[in-house]
Amino acid sequence: MVSILKRILQRRNAGKPKGGSQCALVAAFGKHPGWDDHIDDIGLDTDVLIAVKRLLYIEGIGSNLDAGSWDKLDPEQRIDEFGHMFLWLLKGEVVIGRLWSSRDGKGRARYPMVVCIQCSGLPLLWVLANILPRLERIEAACVDTTSPHDVRRIMEAAQSEVRQLVQQRERAPAPGPEAARPLARLAELPEMGPNRQGLHRVLYHIDREVGRGPAGTERRQAVRPAVFRVPASWTASREVGLAWIRFLRARFGAETSILALTPLKHPWIDVIIGEPTSVQMFCLRAARGALPLTNTIPYSLDSEFVTRTNQLIDDFQAQPTDKSHTG
């Protein structure tokens, strides 16, 4: 019994990043033709990666499928397939991944396959530039085979590649001045309309749904999970998503879970603040007819809120950059 417990603990701790170290850990789960049911988990050796599967796949996707949430939508309100990139700040770590529609060996195609990489101690800009393209290649290789042996080999090769990539990483330059004023950058987006109107609506939605004041204020309280949808083309999604992450980390604190989901064939980003439930994960297959762009929702905003929000945007222009994950 002691030896069995020892092996379990060794497995659980094998991929855990040491304090202050830099590493990238590759994992996969979901559906693939090489397995008759869900994949035997590959690389889920840390608490963070286990949480990703639980929140995204089991409680998020699984609960919506079991409840028929997406099946109840009209065809024009529903995204037919999974096909997303995601960036997740969770439990002090950065996880980046892709999920796509897949099927198991018996032809069942309700669940997707998910590949993700936990990045510890690595600047987010570097992760986006170096890890994200490799995820696309991992997906293509997995789609191109029906062999479980091939999938395991693909994942082992990916782990070796990213480990070497991290070891060879040169120190990145400090973020530019635009990193210190994410709201100003978002306010400049033409999709936000004139006079910052779209951004005002998004910020109002966040205040209403999250119900938490800024870090260090008397209004600070527990985060209620909330989702908002903002426009962004695939080519611009990384820049826009990063700006939102920088703002939300400064607004709600580094410990708050922030998940950005980008559907690869649709021009928007869904951002989930707080630990997501199936309610927020509904966005994965919801088209604009079921979940509109938050910047287009015609909220009635009083002049006091608009003035206060404009001051917030101006204040963020002078704030220093948080380099712990977003550099």
Protein backbone atom coordinates (compact mmCIF):
# COMPACT_ATOMS: atom_id res chain seq x y z
CA MET A 1 0.00 0.00 0.00
CA VAL A 2 2.85 2.39 0.84
CA SER A 3 4.51 1.76 -2.52
CA ILE A 4 1.22 2.38 -4.35
CA LEU A 5 0.69 5.70 -2.56
CA LYS A 6 4.28 6.66 -3.31
CA ARG A 7 3.79 6.03 -7.04
CA ILE A 8 0.59 8.10 -7.04
CA LEU A 9 2.34 11.01 -5.34
CA GLN A 10 5.28 10.76 -7.72
CA ARG A 11 2.91 10.96 -10.68
CA ARG A 12 1.03 13.93 -9.22
CA ASN A 13 4.27 15.80 -8.49
CA ALA A 14 6.20 14.83 -11.63
CA GLY A 15 5.07 17.79 -13.67
CA LYS A 16 4.64 20.35 -10.92
CA PRO A 17 6.76 23.42 -11.55
CA LYS A 18 9.26 24.19 -8.82
CA GLY A 19 8.91 27.57 -7.17
CA GLY A 20 10.24 30.33 -9.42
CA SER A 21 11.17 27.93 -12.25
CA GLN A 22 10.26 28.32 -15.90
CA CYS A 23 8.63 25.39 -17.64
CA ALA A 24 5.93 24.39 -20.11
CA LEU A 25 3.85 21.22 -19.57
CA VAL A 26 1.84 19.64 -22.40
CA ALA A 27 -1.47 17.86 -21.81
CA ALA A 28 -4.37 16.41 -23.80
CA PHE A 29 -7.83 15.06 -23.06
CA GLY A 30 -11.21 14.69 -24.74
CA LYS A 31 -12.27 12.59 -27.73
CA HIS A 32 -10.11 11.04 -30.46
CA PRO A 33 -10.74 8.17 -32.92
CA GLY A 34 -7.92 6.19 -31.30
CA TRP A 35 -10.03 5.62 -28.18
CA ASP A 36 -13.49 4.06 -27.95
CA ASP A 37 -14.46 6.64 -25.35
CA HIS A 38 -12.73 9.62 -23.73
CA ILE A 39 -8.97 9.73 -24.13
CA ASP A 40 -6.81 8.30 -21.38
CA ASP A 41 -5.57 11.60 -19.97
CA ILE A 42 -2.15 12.60 -21.24
CA GLY A 43 0.04 14.87 -19.13
CA LEU A 44 -2.57 15.90 -16.53
CA ASP A 45 0.07 15.90 -13.81
CA THR A 46 -0.59 19.22 -12.05
CA ASP A 47 -3.49 20.61 -10.08
CA VAL A 48 -3.84 23.41 -12.63
CA LEU A 49 -4.19 21.07 -15.62
CA ILE A 50 -6.62 18.86 -13.69
CA ALA A 51 -8.67 22.00 -12.94
CA VAL A 52 -8.65 22.94 -16.64
CA LYS A 53 -10.19 19.59 -17.57
CA ARG A 54 -12.76 19.77 -14.77
CA LEU A 55 -13.89 23.35 -15.41
CA LEU A 56 -13.70 23.36 -19.21
CA TYR A 57 -14.50 19.83 -20.25
CA ILE A 58 -16.47 18.08 -17.50
CA GLU A 59 -18.43 20.89 -15.84
CA GLY A 60 -18.40 23.33 -18.76
CA ILE A 61 -18.86 21.39 -21.98
CA GLY A 62 -20.23 18.20 -20.42
CA SER A 63 -22.93 19.96 -18.41
CA ASN A 64 -24.13 21.95 -21.43
CA LEU A 65 -24.24 18.80 -23.55
CA ASP A 66 -26.13 16.85 -20.89
CA ALA A 67 -28.65 19.67 -20.48
CA GLY A 68 -29.09 20.03 -24.24
CA SER A 69 -28.31 23.76 -23.93
CA TRP A 70 -26.89 24.09 -27.44
CA ASP A 71 -29.36 21.65 -29.03
CA LYS A 72 -32.23 23.91 -27.93
CA LEU A 73 -30.87 26.85 -29.93
CA ASP A 74 -32.13 27.66 -33.40
CA PRO A 75 -29.55 26.85 -36.10
CA GLU A 76 -28.71 30.53 -36.67
CA GLN A 77 -28.08 30.94 -32.94
CA ARG A 78 -25.68 28.02 -32.69
CA ILE A 79 -22.05 27.50 -33.68
CA ASP A 80 -22.04 24.09 -35.33
CA GLU A 81 -18.60 22.92 -34.22
CA PHE A 82 -15.91 23.46 -31.63
CA GLY A 83 -12.85 25.27 -32.93
CA HIS A 84 -11.27 27.57 -30.37
CA MET A 85 -8.04 28.91 -29.01
CA PHE A 86 -8.02 29.73 -25.30
CA LEU A 87 -5.79 31.61 -22.90
CA TRP A 88 -6.39 31.08 -19.20
CA LEU A 89 -4.89 32.71 -16.13
CA LEU A 90 -5.74 30.16 -13.46
CA LYS A 91 -4.35 29.63 -9.97
CA GLY A 92 -1.42 31.93 -10.70
CA GLU A 93 -0.46 30.03 -13.86
CA VAL A 94 -0.91 30.61 -17.59
CA VAL A 95 -2.54 27.87 -19.68
CA ILE A 96 -2.87 28.17 -23.44
CA GLY A 97 -4.70 25.66 -25.59
CA ARG A 98 -6.84 24.66 -28.54
CA LEU A 99 -9.99 22.55 -28.77
CA TRP A 100 -11.69 21.23 -31.87
CA SER A 101 -14.59 18.99 -32.84
CA SER A 102 -13.58 15.34 -32.81
CA ARG A 103 -15.06 11.87 -32.38
CA ASP A 104 -14.18 8.66 -30.61
CA GLY A 105 -13.56 5.24 -32.13
CA LYS A 106 -17.29 4.49 -32.07
CA GLY A 107 -18.11 7.60 -34.09
CA ARG A 108 -19.61 9.67 -31.26
CA ALA A 109 -18.86 13.33 -31.97
CA ARG A 110 -20.43 15.41 -29.20
CA TYR A 111 -17.24 16.18 -27.28
CA PRO A 112 -14.10 17.93 -28.60
CA MET A 113 -10.45 17.08 -28.22
CA VAL A 114 -8.40 19.51 -26.13
CA VAL A 115 -4.65 20.14 -26.15
CA CYS A 116 -3.17 22.66 -23.75
CA ILE A 117 0.15 23.77 -22.30
CA GLN A 118 0.68 25.08 -18.78
CA CYS A 119 3.34 27.82 -18.87
CA SER A 120 5.01 28.66 -15.57
CA GLY A 121 7.18 31.74 -15.03
CA LEU A 122 7.06 32.70 -18.71
CA PRO A 123 6.05 36.12 -20.11
CA LEU A 124 2.66 36.03 -21.75
CA LEU A 125 3.86 37.78 -24.89
CA TRP A 126 6.53 35.09 -25.31
CA VAL A 127 3.94 32.36 -24.75
CA LEU A 128 1.68 33.79 -27.45
CA ALA A 129 4.53 34.18 -29.92
CA ASN A 130 6.22 30.81 -29.35
CA ILE A 131 3.80 28.32 -27.80
CA LEU A 132 0.60 29.21 -29.67
CA PRO A 133 1.92 28.27 -33.17
CA ARG A 134 3.04 24.90 -31.86
CA LEU A 135 -0.44 24.15 -30.57
CA GLU A 136 -1.76 24.56 -34.09
CA ARG A 137 0.77 22.00 -35.36
CA ILE A 138 -0.11 19.59 -32.53
CA GLU A 139 -3.78 19.80 -33.47
CA ALA A 140 -3.04 19.15 -37.14
CA ALA A 141 -0.93 16.09 -36.28
CA CYS A 142 -3.60 14.65 -33.97
CA VAL A 143 -6.34 15.17 -36.57
CA ASP A 144 -4.20 13.38 -39.14
CA THR A 145 -4.08 10.07 -37.25
CA THR A 146 -6.47 7.51 -35.79
CA SER A 147 -3.79 5.79 -33.71
CA PRO A 148 -3.55 6.28 -29.92
CA HIS A 149 0.14 5.39 -30.17
CA ASP A 150 0.65 8.24 -32.64
CA VAL A 151 -1.16 10.69 -30.36
CA ARG A 152 1.04 9.75 -27.40
CA ARG A 153 4.12 10.08 -29.59
CA ILE A 154 2.95 13.50 -30.84
CA MET A 155 2.46 14.69 -27.28
CA GLU A 156 5.84 13.36 -26.14
CA ALA A 157 7.56 15.10 -29.06
CA ALA A 158 5.69 18.33 -28.28
CA GLN A 159 6.75 18.16 -24.63
CA SER A 160 10.37 17.69 -25.64
CA GLU A 161 10.17 20.58 -28.11
CA VAL A 162 8.64 23.10 -25.74
CA ARG A 163 11.02 22.09 -22.94
CA GLN A 164 13.95 22.83 -25.24
CA LEU A 165 12.30 26.06 -26.36
CA VAL A 166 12.00 27.27 -22.77
CA GLN A 167 15.61 26.35 -22.01
CA GLN A 168 16.83 28.35 -25.01
CA ARG A 169 14.61 31.36 -24.35
CA GLU A 170 16.34 34.71 -24.33
CA ARG A 171 15.26 37.36 -21.89
CA ALA A 172 12.41 39.32 -23.44
CA PRO A 173 12.49 43.12 -23.58
CA ALA A 174 10.26 45.00 -21.19
CA PRO A 175 6.71 45.61 -22.43
CA GLY A 176 6.16 48.89 -24.27
CA PRO A 177 4.27 51.81 -22.74
CA GLU A 178 0.98 50.65 -24.29
CA ALA A 179 1.01 47.70 -21.87
CA ALA A 180 0.51 50.12 -18.97
CA ARG A 181 -2.71 51.58 -20.38
CA PRO A 182 -4.84 48.70 -21.69
CA LEU A 183 -8.14 50.55 -21.36
CA ALA A 184 -6.88 53.42 -23.46
CA ARG A 185 -5.88 50.91 -26.13
CA LEU A 186 -9.31 49.26 -26.01
CA ALA A 187 -11.07 52.63 -26.14
CA GLU A 188 -9.27 53.37 -29.43
CA LEU A 189 -10.70 50.31 -31.20
CA PRO A 190 -13.11 51.40 -33.96
CA GLU A 191 -15.44 48.55 -32.99
CA MET A 192 -16.12 50.36 -29.71
CA GLY A 193 -17.84 53.16 -31.58
CA PRO A 194 -17.65 56.91 -31.01
CA ASN A 195 -17.02 58.53 -27.63
CA ARG A 196 -15.96 55.23 -26.04
CA GLN A 197 -19.62 54.17 -26.04
CA GLY A 198 -18.96 50.47 -26.61
CA LEU A 199 -16.33 50.34 -23.90
CA HIS A 200 -18.67 52.08 -21.46
CA ARG A 201 -21.23 49.34 -22.08
CA VAL A 202 -18.70 46.55 -21.53
CA LEU A 203 -17.46 48.11 -18.28
CA TYR A 204 -21.03 48.59 -17.09
CA HIS A 205 -21.75 44.93 -17.85
CA ILE A 206 -18.65 43.86 -15.89
CA ASP A 207 -19.58 46.01 -12.88
CA ARG A 208 -23.15 44.68 -12.93
CA GLU A 209 -22.33 41.00 -13.42
CA VAL A 210 -19.11 40.54 -11.44
CA GLY A 211 -20.14 42.53 -8.39
CA ARG A 212 -16.65 43.20 -7.10
CA GLY A 213 -14.79 46.44 -6.53
CA PRO A 214 -11.17 47.13 -7.50
CA ALA A 215 -8.31 45.59 -5.52
CA GLY A 216 -7.58 47.47 -2.30
CA THR A 217 -11.01 49.18 -2.06
CA GLU A 218 -13.81 48.83 0.46
CA ARG A 219 -16.10 47.45 -2.28
CA ARG A 220 -13.86 44.41 -2.78
CA GLN A 221 -15.78 41.15 -2.41
CA ALA A 222 -16.01 37.70 -3.95
CA VAL A 223 -16.08 37.53 -7.75
CA ARG A 224 -19.25 36.23 -9.34
CA PRO A 225 -18.38 34.42 -12.58
CA ALA A 226 -19.34 36.53 -15.59
CA VAL A 227 -18.83 36.44 -19.34
CA PHE A 228 -18.68 39.22 -21.88
CA ARG A 229 -18.22 39.13 -25.67
CA VAL A 230 -16.19 41.72 -27.57
CA PRO A 231 -15.37 42.05 -31.28
CA ALA A 232 -11.97 41.04 -32.63
CA SER A 233 -10.77 39.44 -35.84
CA TRP A 234 -8.55 36.36 -35.52
CA THR A 235 -5.49 38.39 -36.56
CA ALA A 236 -6.21 41.01 -33.88
CA SER A 237 -7.54 38.68 -31.19
CA ARG A 238 -4.23 38.17 -29.39
CA GLU A 239 -3.62 41.89 -28.99
CA VAL A 240 -7.20 42.62 -27.92
CA GLY A 241 -7.34 39.62 -25.57
CA LEU A 242 -4.06 40.62 -23.97
CA ALA A 243 -5.32 44.16 -23.37
CA TRP A 244 -8.43 42.82 -21.64
CA ILE A 245 -6.36 40.45 -19.51
CA ARG A 246 -4.05 43.26 -18.43
CA PHE A 247 -6.98 45.44 -17.45
CA LEU A 248 -8.87 42.69 -15.61
CA ARG A 249 -5.80 41.61 -13.64
CA ALA A 250 -5.24 45.19 -12.54
CA ARG A 251 -8.93 45.65 -11.77
CA PHE A 252 -9.66 42.44 -9.87
CA GLY A 253 -6.28 41.12 -8.75
CA ALA A 254 -3.79 38.56 -10.02
CA GLU A 255 -5.52 35.69 -8.18
CA THR A 256 -8.73 36.07 -10.20
CA SER A 257 -9.33 33.46 -12.91
CA ILE A 258 -9.51 35.04 -16.39
CA LEU A 259 -10.30 32.93 -19.44
CA ALA A 260 -10.26 34.28 -23.00
CA LEU A 261 -11.89 32.05 -25.63
CA THR A 262 -11.45 32.83 -29.32
CA PRO A 263 -13.57 30.95 -31.89
CA LEU A 264 -11.28 30.60 -34.90
CA LYS A 265 -14.03 31.14 -37.50
CA HIS A 266 -15.88 34.01 -35.81
CA PRO A 267 -14.85 37.66 -35.16
CA TRP A 268 -15.13 37.90 -31.38
CA ILE A 269 -13.55 36.96 -28.06
CA ASP A 270 -15.46 35.64 -25.07
CA VAL A 271 -13.87 36.62 -21.76
CA ILE A 272 -14.87 34.87 -18.55
CA ILE A 273 -14.01 36.50 -15.23
CA GLY A 274 -13.94 34.24 -12.16
CA GLU A 275 -14.04 30.46 -12.02
CA PRO A 276 -16.39 29.49 -14.86
CA THR A 277 -19.49 27.34 -14.58
CA SER A 278 -21.59 25.76 -17.32
CA VAL A 279 -23.56 29.03 -17.52
CA GLN A 280 -20.52 30.97 -18.72
CA MET A 281 -19.19 28.09 -20.86
CA PHE A 282 -22.44 28.23 -22.84
CA CYS A 283 -20.66 30.88 -24.94
CA LEU A 284 -18.55 28.20 -26.64
CA ARG A 285 -21.31 27.18 -29.05
CA ALA A 286 -23.52 30.28 -28.86
CA ALA A 287 -23.60 32.48 -31.96
CA ARG A 288 -24.36 36.19 -31.81
CA GLY A 289 -28.09 35.51 -32.01
CA ALA A 290 -27.89 33.79 -28.62
CA LEU A 291 -25.13 35.88 -27.05
CA PRO A 292 -24.69 39.37 -28.56
CA LEU A 293 -21.56 41.47 -28.48
CA THR A 294 -21.54 43.18 -25.10
CA ASN A 295 -20.46 46.50 -26.61
CA THR A 296 -23.71 46.58 -28.63
CA ILE A 297 -26.12 45.97 -25.73
CA PRO A 298 -28.15 49.21 -25.35
CA TYR A 299 -27.69 49.71 -21.62
CA SER A 300 -29.05 52.95 -20.18
CA LEU A 301 -25.97 54.65 -18.75
CA ASP A 302 -26.33 57.75 -16.62
CA SER A 303 -23.93 60.66 -16.95
CA GLU A 304 -22.32 59.91 -13.58
CA PHE A 305 -21.32 56.41 -14.69
CA VAL A 306 -19.94 57.72 -18.00
CA THR A 307 -17.89 60.39 -16.21
CA ARG A 308 -16.56 57.88 -13.68
CA THR A 309 -15.69 55.41 -16.43
CA ASN A 310 -13.86 58.00 -18.50
CA GLN A 311 -11.85 58.87 -15.40
CA LEU A 312 -11.04 55.19 -14.91
CA ILE A 313 -9.79 54.94 -18.51
CA ASP A 314 -7.65 58.04 -18.02
CA ASP A 315 -6.29 56.74 -14.70
CA PHE A 316 -5.20 53.47 -16.28
CA GLN A 317 -3.00 55.39 -18.72
CA ALA A 318 -0.57 56.14 -15.90
CA GLN A 319 -0.54 52.73 -14.19
CA PRO A 320 2.65 50.62 -14.25
CA THR A 321 2.65 47.31 -16.11
CA ASP A 322 2.14 44.07 -14.19
CA LYS A 323 5.00 42.00 -15.60
CA SER A 324 4.38 38.82 -13.64
CA HIS A 325 2.43 37.15 -16.47
CA THR A 326 1.59 39.75 -19.08
CA GLY A 327 5.03 40.99 -20.08
